Amino acid sequence: ALAGCTAWSSIYPVDVLRSRIMAGAGRGGGGDGGARGGGEAGGGVVRAEAVRLYRSGGARAFYRGIGATLLRAGPVAGVLLPVNDLALEALSRRYAEQG
């Protein structure tokens, strides 16, 4: 759970930018995330959106909503990791019998 919280804390600002860019794609906004180097002058869509977000709410705007995400990280890790281990074990047994 701690690893999940640490991971989310480090990538959350990027995820906020991604979500804002994707939401803007339907309204004629960015959409490509600047991935192809196009977009607005001076670094593309990602940079422009980061500047807009910072101007509208400062550094705190990049972490708005992180509390709910961190509350979710523990239970998600507590369920997904054991399920992944069980699935891996079941698949390993099945293919070991065939092989």
PDB file of N, CA and C in Angstrom:
ATOM      1  N   ALA A   1       0.827  -1.190   0.000  1.00  0.00           N
ATOM      2  CA  ALA A   1       0.000   0.000   0.000  1.00  0.00           C
ATOM      3  C   ALA A   1       0.875   1.260   0.000  1.00  0.00           C
ATOM      4  N   LEU A   2       1.958   1.206   0.762  1.00  0.00           N
ATOM      5  CA  LEU A   2       2.858   2.358   0.821  1.00  0.00           C
ATOM      6  C   LEU A   2       3.489   2.629  -0.549  1.00  0.00           C
ATOM      7  N   ALA A   3       3.831   1.563  -1.260  1.00  0.00           N
ATOM      8  CA  ALA A   3       4.414   1.731  -2.592  1.00  0.00           C
ATOM      9  C   ALA A   3       3.407   2.373  -3.545  1.00  0.00           C
ATOM     10  N   GLY A   4       2.145   1.972  -3.441  1.00  0.00           N
ATOM     11  CA  GLY A   4       1.111   2.563  -4.289  1.00  0.00           C
ATOM     12  C   GLY A   4       0.927   4.041  -4.003  1.00  0.00           C
ATOM     13  N   CYS A   5       0.928   4.389  -2.718  1.00  0.00           N
ATOM     14  CA  CYS A   5       0.785   5.805  -2.336  1.00  0.00           C
ATOM     15  C   CYS A   5       1.982   6.619  -2.816  1.00  0.00           C
ATOM     16  N   THR A   6       3.168   6.050  -2.692  1.00  0.00           N
ATOM     17  CA  THR A   6       4.368   6.747  -3.146  1.00  0.00           C
ATOM     18  C   THR A   6       4.331   6.957  -4.662  1.00  0.00           C
ATOM     19  N   ALA A   7       3.936   5.919  -5.372  1.00  0.00           N
ATOM     20  CA  ALA A   7       3.863   6.027  -6.831  1.00  0.00           C
ATOM     21  C   ALA A   7       2.853   7.091  -7.252  1.00  0.00           C
ATOM     22  N   TRP A   8       1.664   7.058  -6.662  1.00  0.00           N
ATOM     23  CA  TRP A   8       0.648   8.038  -7.021  1.00  0.00           C
ATOM     24  C   TRP A   8       1.086   9.443  -6.677  1.00  0.00           C
ATOM     25  N   SER A   9       1.750   9.607  -5.538  1.00  0.00           N
ATOM     26  CA  SER A   9       2.212  10.943  -5.137  1.00  0.00           C
ATOM     27  C   SER A   9       3.195  11.515  -6.145  1.00  0.00           C
ATOM     28  N   SER A  10       4.016  10.651  -6.715  1.00  0.00           N
ATOM     29  CA  SER A  10       5.026  11.146  -7.652  1.00  0.00           C
ATOM     30  C   SER A  10       4.466  11.411  -9.047  1.00  0.00           C
ATOM     31  N   ILE A  11       3.467  10.648  -9.486  1.00  0.00           N
ATOM     32  CA  ILE A  11       2.958  10.820 -10.849  1.00  0.00           C
ATOM     33  C   ILE A  11       1.657  11.610 -10.922  1.00  0.00           C
ATOM     34  N   TYR A  12       1.082  11.952  -9.776  1.00  0.00           N
ATOM     35  CA  TYR A  12      -0.224  12.600  -9.777  1.00  0.00           C
ATOM     36  C   TYR A  12      -0.267  13.889 -10.603  1.00  0.00           C
ATOM     37  N   PRO A  13       0.720  14.787 -10.497  1.00  0.00           N
ATOM     38  CA  PRO A  13       0.666  16.005 -11.323  1.00  0.00           C
ATOM     39  C   PRO A  13       0.605  15.706 -12.828  1.00  0.00           C
ATOM     40  N   VAL A  14       1.311  14.695 -13.264  1.00  0.00           N
ATOM     41  CA  VAL A  14       1.290  14.319 -14.684  1.00  0.00           C
ATOM     42  C   VAL A  14      -0.082  13.769 -15.055  1.00  0.00           C
ATOM     43  N   ASP A  15      -0.673  12.998 -14.145  1.00  0.00           N
ATOM     44  CA  ASP A  15      -1.999  12.440 -14.395  1.00  0.00           C
ATOM     45  C   ASP A  15      -3.054  13.546 -14.462  1.00  0.00           C
ATOM     46  N   VAL A  16      -2.920  14.557 -13.614  1.00  0.00           N
ATOM     47  CA  VAL A  16      -3.838  15.698 -13.658  1.00  0.00           C
ATOM     48  C   VAL A  16      -3.733  16.389 -15.017  1.00  0.00           C
ATOM     49  N   LEU A  17      -2.514  16.621 -15.469  1.00  0.00           N
ATOM     50  CA  LEU A  17      -2.336  17.250 -16.789  1.00  0.00           C
ATOM     51  C   LEU A  17      -2.929  16.386 -17.897  1.00  0.00           C
ATOM     52  N   ARG A  18      -2.666  15.091 -17.849  1.00  0.00           N
ATOM     53  CA  ARG A  18      -3.198  14.179 -18.860  1.00  0.00           C
ATOM     54  C   ARG A  18      -4.725  14.242 -18.884  1.00  0.00           C
ATOM     55  N   SER A  19      -5.337  14.208 -17.716  1.00  0.00           N
ATOM     56  CA  SER A  19      -6.796  14.246 -17.642  1.00  0.00           C
ATOM     57  C   SER A  19      -7.353  15.551 -18.197  1.00  0.00           C
ATOM     58  N   ARG A  20      -6.721  16.660 -17.873  1.00  0.00           N
ATOM     59  CA  ARG A  20      -7.189  17.957 -18.355  1.00  0.00           C
ATOM     60  C   ARG A  20      -7.032  18.072 -19.870  1.00  0.00           C
ATOM     61  N   ILE A  21      -5.941  17.563 -20.400  1.00  0.00           N
ATOM     62  CA  ILE A  21      -5.717  17.617 -21.847  1.00  0.00           C
ATOM     63  C   ILE A  21      -6.717  16.735 -22.572  1.00  0.00           C
ATOM     64  N   MET A  22      -6.946  15.537 -22.036  1.00  0.00           N
ATOM     65  CA  MET A  22      -7.896  14.620 -22.681  1.00  0.00           C
ATOM     66  C   MET A  22      -9.313  15.181 -22.621  1.00  0.00           C
ATOM     67  N   ALA A  23      -9.669  15.799 -21.501  1.00  0.00           N
ATOM     68  CA  ALA A  23     -11.000  16.398 -21.391  1.00  0.00           C
ATOM     69  C   ALA A  23     -11.148  17.546 -22.371  1.00  0.00           C
ATOM     70  N   GLY A  24     -10.086  18.279 -22.614  1.00  0.00           N
ATOM     71  CA  GLY A  24     -10.125  19.390 -23.554  1.00  0.00           C
ATOM     72  C   GLY A  24     -10.161  18.956 -25.002  1.00  0.00           C
ATOM     73  N   ALA A  25      -9.800  17.711 -25.290  1.00  0.00           N
ATOM     74  CA  ALA A  25      -9.764  17.232 -26.672  1.00  0.00           C
ATOM     75  C   ALA A  25     -11.144  17.262 -27.307  1.00  0.00           C
ATOM     76  N   GLY A  26     -12.181  16.967 -26.535  1.00  0.00           N
ATOM     77  CA  GLY A  26     -13.539  16.973 -27.055  1.00  0.00           C
ATOM     78  C   GLY A  26     -14.074  18.370 -27.283  1.00  0.00           C
ATOM     79  N   ARG A  27     -13.439  19.365 -26.675  1.00  0.00           N
ATOM     80  CA  ARG A  27     -13.875  20.750 -26.815  1.00  0.00           C
ATOM     81  C   ARG A  27     -12.982  21.518 -27.780  1.00  0.00           C
ATOM     82  N   GLY A  28     -12.194  20.791 -28.563  1.00  0.00           N
ATOM     83  CA  GLY A  28     -11.297  21.457 -29.495  1.00  0.00           C
ATOM     84  C   GLY A  28      -9.972  21.808 -28.856  1.00  0.00           C
ATOM     85  N   GLY A  29      -9.717  21.259 -27.648  1.00  0.00           N
ATOM     86  CA  GLY A  29      -8.454  21.505 -26.961  1.00  0.00           C
ATOM     87  C   GLY A  29      -7.381  20.616 -27.517  1.00  0.00           C
ATOM     88  N   GLY A  30      -6.288  20.505 -26.784  1.00  0.00           N
ATOM     89  CA  GLY A  30      -5.095  19.773 -27.205  1.00  0.00           C
ATOM     90  C   GLY A  30      -5.351  18.428 -27.833  1.00  0.00           C
ATOM     91  N   GLY A  31      -5.502  17.387 -27.010  1.00  0.00           N
ATOM     92  CA  GLY A  31      -5.795  16.080 -27.545  1.00  0.00           C
ATOM     93  C   GLY A  31      -4.579  15.225 -27.787  1.00  0.00           C
ATOM     94  N   ASP A  32      -3.536  15.751 -28.419  1.00  0.00           N
ATOM     95  CA  ASP A  32      -2.378  14.901 -28.703  1.00  0.00           C
ATOM     96  C   ASP A  32      -1.361  14.948 -27.586  1.00  0.00           C
ATOM     97  N   GLY A  33      -1.573  15.789 -26.590  1.00  0.00           N
ATOM     98  CA  GLY A  33      -0.661  15.872 -25.465  1.00  0.00           C
ATOM     99  C   GLY A  33       0.709  16.377 -25.846  1.00  0.00           C
ATOM    100  N   GLY A  34       0.840  16.949 -27.025  1.00  0.00           N
ATOM    101  CA  GLY A  34       2.134  17.434 -27.460  1.00  0.00           C
ATOM    102  C   GLY A  34       3.074  16.301 -27.833  1.00  0.00           C
ATOM    103  N   ALA A  35       2.548  15.084 -27.929  1.00  0.00           N
ATOM    104  CA  ALA A  35       3.387  13.912 -28.152  1.00  0.00           C
ATOM    105  C   ALA A  35       4.111  13.974 -29.492  1.00  0.00           C
ATOM    106  N   ARG A  36       3.511  14.635 -30.456  1.00  0.00           N
ATOM    107  CA  ARG A  36       4.142  14.706 -31.776  1.00  0.00           C
ATOM    108  C   ARG A  36       4.938  15.987 -31.950  1.00  0.00           C
ATOM    109  N   GLY A  37       5.115  16.714 -30.841  1.00  0.00           N
ATOM    110  CA  GLY A  37       5.907  17.929 -30.912  1.00  0.00           C
ATOM    111  C   GLY A  37       5.153  19.113 -31.464  1.00  0.00           C
ATOM    112  N   GLY A  38       3.895  18.907 -31.844  1.00  0.00           N
ATOM    113  CA  GLY A  38       3.114  20.008 -32.387  1.00  0.00           C
ATOM    114  C   GLY A  38       2.499  20.809 -31.272  1.00  0.00           C
ATOM    115  N   GLY A  39       1.351  21.347 -31.531  1.00  0.00           N
ATOM    116  CA  GLY A  39       0.652  22.092 -30.498  1.00  0.00           C
ATOM    117  C   GLY A  39       1.103  23.527 -30.457  1.00  0.00           C
ATOM    118  N   GLU A  40       0.897  24.133 -29.320  1.00  0.00           N
ATOM    119  CA  GLU A  40       1.178  25.542 -29.162  1.00  0.00           C
ATOM    120  C   GLU A  40       2.676  25.797 -29.096  1.00  0.00           C
ATOM    121  N   ALA A  41       3.061  27.016 -29.448  1.00  0.00           N
ATOM    122  CA  ALA A  41       4.475  27.369 -29.453  1.00  0.00           C
ATOM    123  C   ALA A  41       5.062  27.291 -28.056  1.00  0.00           C
ATOM    124  N   GLY A  42       6.330  26.961 -27.953  1.00  0.00           N
ATOM    125  CA  GLY A  42       7.016  26.956 -26.675  1.00  0.00           C
ATOM    126  C   GLY A  42       6.906  25.658 -25.921  1.00  0.00           C
ATOM    127  N   GLY A  43       6.690  24.541 -26.564  1.00  0.00           N
ATOM    128  CA  GLY A  43       6.724  23.271 -25.859  1.00  0.00           C
ATOM    129  C   GLY A  43       5.485  22.434 -25.994  1.00  0.00           C
ATOM    130  N   GLY A  44       4.504  22.870 -26.723  1.00  0.00           N
ATOM    131  CA  GLY A  44       3.357  22.029 -26.988  1.00  0.00           C
ATOM    132  C   GLY A  44       2.232  22.160 -25.980  1.00  0.00           C
ATOM    133  N   VAL A  45       1.307  21.272 -26.129  1.00  0.00           N
ATOM    134  CA  VAL A  45       0.069  21.290 -25.373  1.00  0.00           C
ATOM    135  C   VAL A  45       0.309  21.042 -23.888  1.00  0.00           C
ATOM    136  N   VAL A  46       1.214  20.153 -23.553  1.00  0.00           N
ATOM    137  CA  VAL A  46       1.456  19.820 -22.151  1.00  0.00           C
ATOM    138  C   VAL A  46       1.962  21.044 -21.393  1.00  0.00           C
ATOM    139  N   ARG A  47       2.922  21.711 -21.954  1.00  0.00           N
ATOM    140  CA  ARG A  47       3.473  22.904 -21.297  1.00  0.00           C
ATOM    141  C   ARG A  47       2.403  23.983 -21.154  1.00  0.00           C
ATOM    142  N   ALA A  48       1.639  24.205 -22.213  1.00  0.00           N
ATOM    143  CA  ALA A  48       0.602  25.236 -22.172  1.00  0.00           C
ATOM    144  C   ALA A  48      -0.439  24.919 -21.101  1.00  0.00           C
ATOM    145  N   GLU A  49      -0.828  23.669 -20.997  1.00  0.00           N
ATOM    146  CA  GLU A  49      -1.816  23.279 -19.983  1.00  0.00           C
ATOM    147  C   GLU A  49      -1.229  23.386 -18.583  1.00  0.00           C
ATOM    148  N   ALA A  50       0.033  23.034 -18.418  1.00  0.00           N
ATOM    149  CA  ALA A  50       0.689  23.158 -17.113  1.00  0.00           C
ATOM    150  C   ALA A  50       0.729  24.621 -16.676  1.00  0.00           C
ATOM    151  N   VAL A  51       1.020  25.518 -17.599  1.00  0.00           N
ATOM    152  CA  VAL A  51       1.054  26.946 -17.280  1.00  0.00           C
ATOM    153  C   VAL A  51      -0.338  27.430 -16.911  1.00  0.00           C
ATOM    154  N   ARG A  52      -1.361  27.025 -17.680  1.00  0.00           N
ATOM    155  CA  ARG A  52      -2.737  27.422 -17.372  1.00  0.00           C
ATOM    156  C   ARG A  52      -3.146  26.931 -15.987  1.00  0.00           C
ATOM    157  N   LEU A  53      -2.823  25.690 -15.678  1.00  0.00           N
ATOM    158  CA  LEU A  53      -3.186  25.109 -14.383  1.00  0.00           C
ATOM    159  C   LEU A  53      -2.474  25.829 -13.245  1.00  0.00           C
ATOM    160  N   TYR A  54      -1.199  26.108 -13.426  1.00  0.00           N
ATOM    161  CA  TYR A  54      -0.433  26.802 -12.387  1.00  0.00           C
ATOM    162  C   TYR A  54      -0.974  28.217 -12.158  1.00  0.00           C
ATOM    163  N   ARG A  55      -1.293  28.896 -13.231  1.00  0.00           N
ATOM    164  CA  ARG A  55      -1.821  30.260 -13.100  1.00  0.00           C
ATOM    165  C   ARG A  55      -3.189  30.280 -12.423  1.00  0.00           C
ATOM    166  N   SER A  56      -3.968  29.230 -12.643  1.00  0.00           N
ATOM    167  CA  SER A  56      -5.316  29.207 -12.066  1.00  0.00           C
ATOM    168  C   SER A  56      -5.328  28.785 -10.601  1.00  0.00           C
ATOM    169  N   GLY A  57      -4.334  28.014 -10.153  1.00  0.00           N
ATOM    170  CA  GLY A  57      -4.394  27.546  -8.774  1.00  0.00           C
ATOM    171  C   GLY A  57      -3.066  27.325  -8.100  1.00  0.00           C
ATOM    172  N   GLY A  58      -1.991  27.710  -8.740  1.00  0.00           N
ATOM    173  CA  GLY A  58      -0.675  27.516  -8.150  1.00  0.00           C
ATOM    174  C   GLY A  58      -0.283  26.044  -8.121  1.00  0.00           C
ATOM    175  N   ALA A  59       0.733  25.729  -7.342  1.00  0.00           N
ATOM    176  CA  ALA A  59       1.230  24.351  -7.267  1.00  0.00           C
ATOM    177  C   ALA A  59       0.184  23.407  -6.675  1.00  0.00           C
ATOM    178  N   ARG A  60      -0.676  23.931  -5.811  1.00  0.00           N
ATOM    179  CA  ARG A  60      -1.709  23.090  -5.191  1.00  0.00           C
ATOM    180  C   ARG A  60      -2.677  22.522  -6.218  1.00  0.00           C
ATOM    181  N   ALA A  61      -2.869  23.218  -7.324  1.00  0.00           N
ATOM    182  CA  ALA A  61      -3.804  22.759  -8.351  1.00  0.00           C
ATOM    183  C   ALA A  61      -3.372  21.416  -8.940  1.00  0.00           C
ATOM    184  N   PHE A  62      -2.083  21.135  -8.943  1.00  0.00           N
ATOM    185  CA  PHE A  62      -1.583  19.867  -9.490  1.00  0.00           C
ATOM    186  C   PHE A  62      -1.895  18.687  -8.575  1.00  0.00           C
ATOM    187  N   TYR A  63      -2.231  18.980  -7.327  1.00  0.00           N
ATOM    188  CA  TYR A  63      -2.507  17.918  -6.347  1.00  0.00           C
ATOM    189  C   TYR A  63      -3.951  17.924  -5.860  1.00  0.00           C
ATOM    190  N   ARG A  64      -4.820  18.691  -6.491  1.00  0.00           N
ATOM    191  CA  ARG A  64      -6.223  18.723  -6.098  1.00  0.00           C
ATOM    192  C   ARG A  64      -6.840  17.345  -6.344  1.00  0.00           C
ATOM    193  N   GLY A  65      -7.408  16.752  -5.293  1.00  0.00           N
ATOM    194  CA  GLY A  65      -8.045  15.438  -5.416  1.00  0.00           C
ATOM    195  C   GLY A  65      -7.150  14.276  -5.069  1.00  0.00           C
ATOM    196  N   ILE A  66      -5.918  14.542  -4.645  1.00  0.00           N
ATOM    197  CA  ILE A  66      -4.995  13.440  -4.376  1.00  0.00           C
ATOM    198  C   ILE A  66      -5.407  12.641  -3.141  1.00  0.00           C
ATOM    199  N   GLY A  67      -6.119  13.267  -2.220  1.00  0.00           N
ATOM    200  CA  GLY A  67      -6.544  12.559  -1.009  1.00  0.00           C
ATOM    201  C   GLY A  67      -7.373  11.324  -1.329  1.00  0.00           C
ATOM    202  N   ALA A  68      -8.358  11.486  -2.202  1.00  0.00           N
ATOM    203  CA  ALA A  68      -9.203  10.357  -2.585  1.00  0.00           C
ATOM    204  C   ALA A  68      -8.396   9.296  -3.319  1.00  0.00           C
ATOM    205  N   THR A  69      -7.470   9.720  -4.138  1.00  0.00           N
ATOM    206  CA  THR A  69      -6.630   8.769  -4.871  1.00  0.00           C
ATOM    207  C   THR A  69      -5.773   7.950  -3.913  1.00  0.00           C
ATOM    208  N   LEU A  70      -5.201   8.613  -2.900  1.00  0.00           N
ATOM    209  CA  LEU A  70      -4.361   7.896  -1.940  1.00  0.00           C
ATOM    210  C   LEU A  70      -5.190   6.975  -1.059  1.00  0.00           C
ATOM    211  N   LEU A  71      -6.410   7.378  -0.716  1.00  0.00           N
ATOM    212  CA  LEU A  71      -7.289   6.491   0.053  1.00  0.00           C
ATOM    213  C   LEU A  71      -7.632   5.230  -0.739  1.00  0.00           C
ATOM    214  N   ARG A  72      -7.719   5.384  -2.038  1.00  0.00           N
ATOM    215  CA  ARG A  72      -8.036   4.263  -2.914  1.00  0.00           C
ATOM    216  C   ARG A  72      -6.828   3.360  -3.156  1.00  0.00           C
ATOM    217  N   ALA A  73      -5.629   3.907  -3.091  1.00  0.00           N
ATOM    218  CA  ALA A  73      -4.419   3.161  -3.451  1.00  0.00           C
ATOM    219  C   ALA A  73      -4.208   1.933  -2.568  1.00  0.00           C
ATOM    220  N   GLY A  74      -4.445   2.058  -1.276  1.00  0.00           N
ATOM    221  CA  GLY A  74      -4.242   0.929  -0.365  1.00  0.00           C
ATOM    222  C   GLY A  74      -5.141  -0.255  -0.668  1.00  0.00           C
ATOM    223  N   PRO A  75      -6.469  -0.060  -0.689  1.00  0.00           N
ATOM    224  CA  PRO A  75      -7.359  -1.181  -1.009  1.00  0.00           C
ATOM    225  C   PRO A  75      -7.128  -1.764  -2.403  1.00  0.00           C
ATOM    226  N   VAL A  76      -6.820  -0.912  -3.353  1.00  0.00           N
ATOM    227  CA  VAL A  76      -6.570  -1.421  -4.713  1.00  0.00           C
ATOM    228  C   VAL A  76      -5.360  -2.347  -4.709  1.00  0.00           C
ATOM    229  N   ALA A  77      -4.280  -1.910  -4.068  1.00  0.00           N
ATOM    230  CA  ALA A  77      -3.083  -2.760  -3.995  1.00  0.00           C
ATOM    231  C   ALA A  77      -3.381  -4.023  -3.201  1.00  0.00           C
ATOM    232  N   GLY A  78      -4.183  -3.901  -2.149  1.00  0.00           N
ATOM    233  CA  GLY A  78      -4.520  -5.054  -1.321  1.00  0.00           C
ATOM    234  C   GLY A  78      -5.332  -6.101  -2.051  1.00  0.00           C
ATOM    235  N   VAL A  79      -6.037  -5.709  -3.090  1.00  0.00           N
ATOM    236  CA  VAL A  79      -6.834  -6.654  -3.876  1.00  0.00           C
ATOM    237  C   VAL A  79      -6.074  -7.107  -5.117  1.00  0.00           C
ATOM    238  N   LEU A  80      -5.514  -6.167  -5.856  1.00  0.00           N
ATOM    239  CA  LEU A  80      -4.903  -6.506  -7.144  1.00  0.00           C
ATOM    240  C   LEU A  80      -3.652  -7.370  -7.019  1.00  0.00           C
ATOM    241  N   LEU A  81      -2.807  -7.082  -6.060  1.00  0.00           N
ATOM    242  CA  LEU A  81      -1.567  -7.851  -5.955  1.00  0.00           C
ATOM    243  C   LEU A  81      -1.812  -9.324  -5.624  1.00  0.00           C
ATOM    244  N   PRO A  82      -2.652  -9.658  -4.630  1.00  0.00           N
ATOM    245  CA  PRO A  82      -2.928 -11.077  -4.390  1.00  0.00           C
ATOM    246  C   PRO A  82      -3.638 -11.749  -5.562  1.00  0.00           C
ATOM    247  N   VAL A  83      -4.557 -11.042  -6.210  1.00  0.00           N
ATOM    248  CA  VAL A  83      -5.243 -11.625  -7.370  1.00  0.00           C
ATOM    249  C   VAL A  83      -4.236 -11.903  -8.484  1.00  0.00           C
ATOM    250  N   ASN A  84      -3.300 -10.984  -8.695  1.00  0.00           N
ATOM    251  CA  ASN A  84      -2.259 -11.194  -9.693  1.00  0.00           C
ATOM    252  C   ASN A  84      -1.410 -12.411  -9.344  1.00  0.00           C
ATOM    253  N   ASP A  85      -1.039 -12.539  -8.078  1.00  0.00           N
ATOM    254  CA  ASP A  85      -0.240 -13.695  -7.649  1.00  0.00           C
ATOM    255  C   ASP A  85      -0.996 -14.997  -7.855  1.00  0.00           C
ATOM    256  N   LEU A  86      -2.285 -15.022  -7.508  1.00  0.00           N
ATOM    257  CA  LEU A  86      -3.094 -16.229  -7.698  1.00  0.00           C
ATOM    258  C   LEU A  86      -3.239 -16.589  -9.172  1.00  0.00           C
ATOM    259  N   ALA A  87      -3.456 -15.594 -10.003  1.00  0.00           N
ATOM    260  CA  ALA A  87      -3.584 -15.842 -11.439  1.00  0.00           C
ATOM    261  C   ALA A  87      -2.277 -16.366 -12.022  1.00  0.00           C
ATOM    262  N   LEU A  88      -1.165 -15.786 -11.608  1.00  0.00           N
ATOM    263  CA  LEU A  88       0.135 -16.242 -12.092  1.00  0.00           C
ATOM    264  C   LEU A  88       0.395 -17.684 -11.676  1.00  0.00           C
ATOM    265  N   GLU A  89       0.066 -17.995 -10.436  1.00  0.00           N
ATOM    266  CA  GLU A  89       0.257 -19.365  -9.951  1.00  0.00           C
ATOM    267  C   GLU A  89      -0.622 -20.348 -10.709  1.00  0.00           C
ATOM    268  N   ALA A  90      -1.889 -20.002 -10.944  1.00  0.00           N
ATOM    269  CA  ALA A  90      -2.804 -20.877 -11.671  1.00  0.00           C
ATOM    270  C   ALA A  90      -2.333 -21.086 -13.110  1.00  0.00           C
ATOM    271  N   LEU A  91      -1.900 -20.027 -13.769  1.00  0.00           N
ATOM    272  CA  LEU A  91      -1.414 -20.157 -15.142  1.00  0.00           C
ATOM    273  C   LEU A  91      -0.121 -20.964 -15.204  1.00  0.00           C
ATOM    274  N   SER A  92       0.750 -20.763 -14.234  1.00  0.00           N
ATOM    275  CA  SER A  92       1.999 -21.529 -14.194  1.00  0.00           C
ATOM    276  C   SER A  92       1.722 -23.015 -14.037  1.00  0.00           C
ATOM    277  N   ARG A  93       0.785 -23.364 -13.146  1.00  0.00           N
ATOM    278  CA  ARG A  93       0.422 -24.776 -12.957  1.00  0.00           C
ATOM    279  C   ARG A  93      -0.186 -25.356 -14.223  1.00  0.00           C
ATOM    280  N   ARG A  94      -1.080 -24.593 -14.857  1.00  0.00           N
ATOM    281  CA  ARG A  94      -1.757 -25.104 -16.049  1.00  0.00           C
ATOM    282  C   ARG A  94      -0.766 -25.382 -17.172  1.00  0.00           C
ATOM    283  N   TYR A  95       0.146 -24.447 -17.408  1.00  0.00           N
ATOM    284  CA  TYR A  95       1.078 -24.623 -18.508  1.00  0.00           C
ATOM    285  C   TYR A  95       2.208 -25.566 -18.145  1.00  0.00           C
ATOM    286  N   ALA A  96       2.491 -25.772 -16.878  1.00  0.00           N
ATOM    287  CA  ALA A  96       3.488 -26.750 -16.464  1.00  0.00           C
ATOM    288  C   ALA A  96       2.964 -28.163 -16.730  1.00  0.00           C
ATOM    289  N   GLU A  97       1.646 -28.359 -16.550  1.00  0.00           N
ATOM    290  CA  GLU A  97       1.033 -29.657 -16.810  1.00  0.00           C
ATOM    291  C   GLU A  97       1.022 -29.976 -18.294  1.00  0.00           C
ATOM    292  N   GLN A  98       0.896 -28.968 -19.131  1.00  0.00           N
ATOM    293  CA  GLN A  98       0.834 -29.164 -20.577  1.00  0.00           C
ATOM    294  C   GLN A  98       2.225 -29.330 -21.190  1.00  0.00           C
ATOM    295  N   GLY A  99       3.222 -28.768 -20.543  1.00  0.00           N
ATOM    296  CA  GLY A  99       4.512 -28.623 -21.141  1.00  0.00           C
ATOM    297  C   GLY A  99       5.450 -29.722 -21.038  1.00  0.00           C
TER     298      GLY A  99
END
